[in-house]
Amino acid sequence: MPDKNQGIRLKEVRKKLKISSTDFAAEFNIQQSYVSRMENGLVEIPASLLSDLYKKYKALPHYICNGLGKEFENKEDNKTVTDISAMKADILALKAKVDYLTKKL
């Protein structure tokens, strides 16, 4: 069953991207009337559209579907993951040095 709130969130995302419903329809190869029906909660938003929105604009499907979290993934999110991975590597290297020095003493 279609969810009107999902349609409202889809419209919010589209407007934040500054894309008209006509351009949105053309970009995702769907009819403008279908965009309107999705945004008004009359039809389900296809998973393929949610996937395409994420791939192209990093619009997060869990926000559109459930209203959870942020609307978009940003570069800082990816940077944080990279920073954490680098810190783990540094911690492991330091632990190895501490173990080595402890054995020498």
N, C-alpha and C. Protein backbone atom coordinates (compact mmCIF):
# COMPACT_ATOMS: atom_id res chain seq x y z
N MET A 1 0.84 -1.19 0.00
CA MET A 1 0.00 0.00 0.00
C MET A 1 0.88 1.25 0.00
N PRO A 2 0.58 2.20 -0.86
CA PRO A 2 1.39 3.43 -0.93
C PRO A 2 1.37 4.21 0.39
N ASP A 3 2.45 4.91 0.64
CA ASP A 3 2.60 5.70 1.87
C ASP A 3 2.73 7.17 1.48
N LYS A 4 1.76 7.97 1.91
CA LYS A 4 1.76 9.39 1.55
C LYS A 4 3.01 10.10 2.08
N ASN A 5 3.47 9.70 3.27
CA ASN A 5 4.66 10.35 3.84
C ASN A 5 5.91 10.09 2.99
N GLN A 6 6.00 8.89 2.40
CA GLN A 6 7.12 8.61 1.51
C GLN A 6 7.09 9.56 0.32
N GLY A 7 5.89 9.77 -0.21
CA GLY A 7 5.73 10.69 -1.34
C GLY A 7 6.14 12.10 -0.99
N ILE A 8 5.76 12.52 0.20
CA ILE A 8 6.13 13.86 0.67
C ILE A 8 7.65 13.98 0.77
N ARG A 9 8.29 12.94 1.32
CA ARG A 9 9.75 12.98 1.46
C ARG A 9 10.44 12.92 0.09
N LEU A 10 9.88 12.15 -0.84
CA LEU A 10 10.43 12.12 -2.20
C LEU A 10 10.39 13.51 -2.81
N LYS A 11 9.28 14.19 -2.64
CA LYS A 11 9.13 15.55 -3.18
C LYS A 11 10.13 16.50 -2.51
N GLU A 12 10.32 16.37 -1.20
CA GLU A 12 11.30 17.22 -0.49
C GLU A 12 12.70 17.01 -1.07
N VAL A 13 13.06 15.74 -1.30
CA VAL A 13 14.38 15.43 -1.84
C VAL A 13 14.51 16.04 -3.23
N ARG A 14 13.49 15.86 -4.06
CA ARG A 14 13.54 16.41 -5.42
C ARG A 14 13.70 17.92 -5.39
N LYS A 15 12.96 18.57 -4.50
CA LYS A 15 13.05 20.04 -4.42
C LYS A 15 14.41 20.49 -3.90
N LYS A 16 14.98 19.74 -2.96
CA LYS A 16 16.32 20.11 -2.48
C LYS A 16 17.36 19.96 -3.58
N LEU A 17 17.10 19.04 -4.50
CA LEU A 17 17.99 18.87 -5.66
C LEU A 17 17.74 19.94 -6.72
N LYS A 18 16.68 20.72 -6.51
CA LYS A 18 16.30 21.80 -7.43
C LYS A 18 16.01 21.25 -8.84
N ILE A 19 15.23 20.16 -8.85
CA ILE A 19 14.84 19.53 -10.11
C ILE A 19 13.32 19.59 -10.22
N SER A 20 12.82 20.07 -11.33
CA SER A 20 11.37 20.09 -11.55
C SER A 20 10.87 18.66 -11.70
N SER A 21 9.58 18.47 -11.49
CA SER A 21 9.04 17.12 -11.64
C SER A 21 9.17 16.64 -13.09
N THR A 22 9.09 17.55 -14.03
CA THR A 22 9.25 17.20 -15.45
C THR A 22 10.68 16.74 -15.72
N ASP A 23 11.66 17.49 -15.22
CA ASP A 23 13.06 17.10 -15.42
C ASP A 23 13.39 15.81 -14.67
N PHE A 24 12.82 15.65 -13.49
CA PHE A 24 13.01 14.44 -12.70
C PHE A 24 12.51 13.22 -13.48
N ALA A 25 11.32 13.36 -14.04
CA ALA A 25 10.73 12.27 -14.83
C ALA A 25 11.62 11.92 -16.01
N ALA A 26 12.10 12.93 -16.71
CA ALA A 26 12.95 12.69 -17.87
C ALA A 26 14.26 12.03 -17.46
N GLU A 27 14.83 12.50 -16.36
CA GLU A 27 16.11 11.98 -15.89
C GLU A 27 16.04 10.50 -15.52
N PHE A 28 14.90 10.09 -14.97
CA PHE A 28 14.75 8.70 -14.53
C PHE A 28 13.87 7.87 -15.46
N ASN A 29 13.60 8.45 -16.63
CA ASN A 29 12.87 7.74 -17.68
C ASN A 29 11.50 7.24 -17.23
N ILE A 30 10.77 8.13 -16.56
CA ILE A 30 9.40 7.82 -16.15
C ILE A 30 8.51 8.99 -16.55
N GLN A 31 7.21 8.79 -16.52
CA GLN A 31 6.30 9.86 -16.90
C GLN A 31 6.12 10.85 -15.75
N GLN A 32 5.92 12.10 -16.10
CA GLN A 32 5.74 13.13 -15.08
C GLN A 32 4.50 12.82 -14.23
N SER A 33 3.46 12.28 -14.82
CA SER A 33 2.24 11.95 -14.07
C SER A 33 2.54 10.88 -13.01
N TYR A 34 3.49 10.00 -13.31
CA TYR A 34 3.89 8.97 -12.35
C TYR A 34 4.64 9.60 -11.18
N VAL A 35 5.47 10.58 -11.47
CA VAL A 35 6.16 11.32 -10.40
C VAL A 35 5.12 11.95 -9.49
N SER A 36 4.14 12.58 -10.07
CA SER A 36 3.08 13.22 -9.30
C SER A 36 2.33 12.21 -8.43
N ARG A 37 2.01 11.06 -8.99
CA ARG A 37 1.28 10.03 -8.22
C ARG A 37 2.14 9.52 -7.06
N MET A 38 3.46 9.36 -7.29
CA MET A 38 4.34 8.92 -6.20
C MET A 38 4.38 9.98 -5.10
N GLU A 39 4.56 11.24 -5.51
CA GLU A 39 4.69 12.32 -4.52
C GLU A 39 3.39 12.56 -3.75
N ASN A 40 2.26 12.17 -4.33
CA ASN A 40 0.97 12.32 -3.65
C ASN A 40 0.57 11.05 -2.91
N GLY A 41 1.46 10.06 -2.88
CA GLY A 41 1.19 8.84 -2.13
C GLY A 41 0.16 7.94 -2.76
N LEU A 42 -0.03 8.05 -4.06
CA LEU A 42 -1.04 7.23 -4.74
C LEU A 42 -0.47 5.92 -5.27
N VAL A 43 0.84 5.88 -5.49
CA VAL A 43 1.52 4.66 -5.93
C VAL A 43 2.81 4.50 -5.14
N GLU A 44 3.26 3.25 -5.05
CA GLU A 44 4.51 2.95 -4.36
C GLU A 44 5.70 3.55 -5.12
N ILE A 45 6.74 3.90 -4.41
CA ILE A 45 7.99 4.34 -5.02
C ILE A 45 8.79 3.07 -5.30
N PRO A 46 9.12 2.79 -6.56
CA PRO A 46 9.85 1.56 -6.86
C PRO A 46 11.24 1.56 -6.24
N ALA A 47 11.66 0.36 -5.82
CA ALA A 47 13.00 0.21 -5.25
C ALA A 47 14.07 0.62 -6.25
N SER A 48 13.80 0.38 -7.53
CA SER A 48 14.78 0.75 -8.56
C SER A 48 14.98 2.26 -8.61
N LEU A 49 13.92 3.03 -8.39
CA LEU A 49 14.05 4.50 -8.37
C LEU A 49 14.85 4.94 -7.15
N LEU A 50 14.57 4.32 -6.00
CA LEU A 50 15.32 4.65 -4.78
C LEU A 50 16.80 4.36 -4.98
N SER A 51 17.09 3.23 -5.62
CA SER A 51 18.48 2.86 -5.90
C SER A 51 19.13 3.87 -6.85
N ASP A 52 18.42 4.24 -7.90
CA ASP A 52 18.96 5.21 -8.86
C ASP A 52 19.18 6.58 -8.22
N LEU A 53 18.26 6.98 -7.35
CA LEU A 53 18.42 8.27 -6.64
C LEU A 53 19.67 8.25 -5.77
N TYR A 54 19.92 7.12 -5.13
CA TYR A 54 21.11 7.01 -4.30
C TYR A 54 22.37 7.06 -5.16
N LYS A 55 22.37 6.28 -6.23
CA LYS A 55 23.56 6.22 -7.09
C LYS A 55 23.90 7.58 -7.68
N LYS A 56 22.88 8.31 -8.11
CA LYS A 56 23.12 9.58 -8.79
C LYS A 56 23.32 10.75 -7.83
N TYR A 57 22.52 10.81 -6.77
CA TYR A 57 22.52 11.99 -5.90
C TYR A 57 22.85 11.70 -4.43
N LYS A 58 23.08 10.43 -4.12
CA LYS A 58 23.32 10.02 -2.73
C LYS A 58 22.14 10.36 -1.82
N ALA A 59 20.91 10.33 -2.39
CA ALA A 59 19.69 10.48 -1.61
C ALA A 59 19.47 9.14 -0.89
N LEU A 60 19.35 9.17 0.42
CA LEU A 60 19.32 7.96 1.21
C LEU A 60 17.92 7.33 1.22
N PRO A 61 17.81 6.09 0.75
CA PRO A 61 16.50 5.42 0.68
C PRO A 61 15.80 5.29 2.03
N HIS A 62 16.56 5.06 3.11
CA HIS A 62 15.91 4.90 4.41
C HIS A 62 15.26 6.20 4.87
N TYR A 63 15.75 7.33 4.40
CA TYR A 63 15.07 8.59 4.72
C TYR A 63 13.75 8.67 3.95
N ILE A 64 13.79 8.40 2.66
CA ILE A 64 12.57 8.50 1.84
C ILE A 64 11.53 7.50 2.33
N CYS A 65 11.96 6.29 2.62
CA CYS A 65 11.01 5.24 3.01
C CYS A 65 10.49 5.38 4.44
N ASN A 66 11.36 5.73 5.36
CA ASN A 66 11.00 5.70 6.78
C ASN A 66 11.13 7.03 7.50
N GLY A 67 11.72 8.02 6.84
CA GLY A 67 11.91 9.31 7.50
C GLY A 67 13.04 9.30 8.51
N LEU A 68 13.92 8.30 8.43
CA LEU A 68 15.00 8.16 9.39
C LEU A 68 16.30 8.76 8.87
N GLY A 69 17.01 9.43 9.73
CA GLY A 69 18.33 9.95 9.37
C GLY A 69 18.27 11.15 8.46
N LYS A 70 19.34 11.29 7.70
CA LYS A 70 19.51 12.44 6.81
C LYS A 70 18.95 12.11 5.43
N GLU A 71 18.69 13.17 4.67
CA GLU A 71 18.19 12.98 3.31
C GLU A 71 19.27 12.51 2.36
N PHE A 72 20.50 13.01 2.58
CA PHE A 72 21.60 12.72 1.65
C PHE A 72 22.83 12.26 2.41
N GLU A 73 23.58 11.37 1.76
CA GLU A 73 24.90 11.00 2.26
C GLU A 73 25.84 12.11 1.80
N ASN A 74 26.80 12.44 2.61
CA ASN A 74 27.75 13.46 2.16
C ASN A 74 29.17 12.93 2.21
N LYS A 75 30.06 13.68 1.64
CA LYS A 75 31.46 13.26 1.56
C LYS A 75 32.07 13.09 2.95
N GLU A 76 31.62 13.88 3.90
CA GLU A 76 32.16 13.78 5.26
C GLU A 76 31.87 12.41 5.86
N ASP A 77 30.71 11.80 5.50
CA ASP A 77 30.40 10.47 6.01
C ASP A 77 31.46 9.48 5.55
N ASN A 78 31.82 9.54 4.28
CA ASN A 78 32.83 8.63 3.75
C ASN A 78 34.19 8.93 4.35
N LYS A 79 34.49 10.20 4.57
CA LYS A 79 35.77 10.60 5.15
C LYS A 79 35.91 10.03 6.56
N THR A 80 34.83 10.04 7.32
CA THR A 80 34.86 9.51 8.68
C THR A 80 35.23 8.04 8.68
N VAL A 81 34.62 7.27 7.77
CA VAL A 81 34.94 5.85 7.68
C VAL A 81 36.42 5.66 7.35
N THR A 82 36.93 6.46 6.42
CA THR A 82 38.34 6.37 6.05
C THR A 82 39.22 6.73 7.24
N ASP A 83 38.85 7.79 7.97
CA ASP A 83 39.62 8.20 9.14
C ASP A 83 39.64 7.10 10.20
N ILE A 84 38.52 6.46 10.43
CA ILE A 84 38.46 5.40 11.43
C ILE A 84 39.33 4.23 11.01
N SER A 85 39.31 3.87 9.74
CA SER A 85 40.15 2.77 9.24
C SER A 85 41.62 3.10 9.43
N ALA A 86 41.99 4.33 9.14
CA ALA A 86 43.39 4.75 9.31
C ALA A 86 43.78 4.70 10.79
N MET A 87 42.89 5.13 11.66
CA MET A 87 43.18 5.12 13.09
C MET A 87 43.34 3.69 13.59
N LYS A 88 42.51 2.76 13.10
CA LYS A 88 42.66 1.36 13.50
C LYS A 88 44.03 0.82 13.10
N ALA A 89 44.46 1.16 11.90
CA ALA A 89 45.78 0.71 11.44
C ALA A 89 46.87 1.29 12.33
N ASP A 90 46.75 2.56 12.69
CA ASP A 90 47.74 3.20 13.57
C ASP A 90 47.76 2.53 14.95
N ILE A 91 46.59 2.21 15.46
CA ILE A 91 46.50 1.57 16.78
C ILE A 91 47.17 0.20 16.75
N LEU A 92 46.92 -0.56 15.69
CA LEU A 92 47.55 -1.89 15.58
C LEU A 92 49.07 -1.77 15.48
N ALA A 93 49.56 -0.78 14.74
CA ALA A 93 51.00 -0.57 14.62
C ALA A 93 51.61 -0.19 15.97
N LEU A 94 50.94 0.69 16.70
CA LEU A 94 51.43 1.09 18.02
C LEU A 94 51.41 -0.09 19.00
N LYS A 95 50.35 -0.89 18.92
CA LYS A 95 50.27 -2.07 19.80
C LYS A 95 51.45 -3.02 19.52
N ALA A 96 51.76 -3.21 18.26
CA ALA A 96 52.88 -4.08 17.90
C ALA A 96 54.19 -3.52 18.46
N LYS A 97 54.36 -2.19 18.39
CA LYS A 97 55.58 -1.56 18.93
C LYS A 97 55.64 -1.73 20.44
N VAL A 98 54.52 -1.54 21.11
CA VAL A 98 54.48 -1.69 22.58
C VAL A 98 54.81 -3.14 22.95
N ASP A 99 54.23 -4.08 22.24
CA ASP A 99 54.51 -5.50 22.52
C ASP A 99 56.01 -5.79 22.34
N TYR A 100 56.58 -5.27 21.27
CA TYR A 100 58.00 -5.47 20.98
C TYR A 100 58.87 -4.88 22.09
N LEU A 101 58.58 -3.64 22.49
CA LEU A 101 59.37 -2.98 23.53
C LEU A 101 59.18 -3.65 24.88
N THR A 102 57.98 -4.14 25.17
CA THR A 102 57.73 -4.84 26.44
C THR A 102 58.57 -6.10 26.52
N LYS A 103 58.69 -6.82 25.41
CA LYS A 103 59.48 -8.06 25.40
C LYS A 103 60.97 -7.76 25.56
N LYS A 104 61.42 -6.61 25.06
CA LYS A 104 62.84 -6.25 25.18
C LYS A 104 63.22 -5.90 26.62
N LEU A 105 62.27 -5.39 27.34
CA LEU A 105 62.55 -4.99 28.74
C LEU A 105 62.56 -6.20 29.58
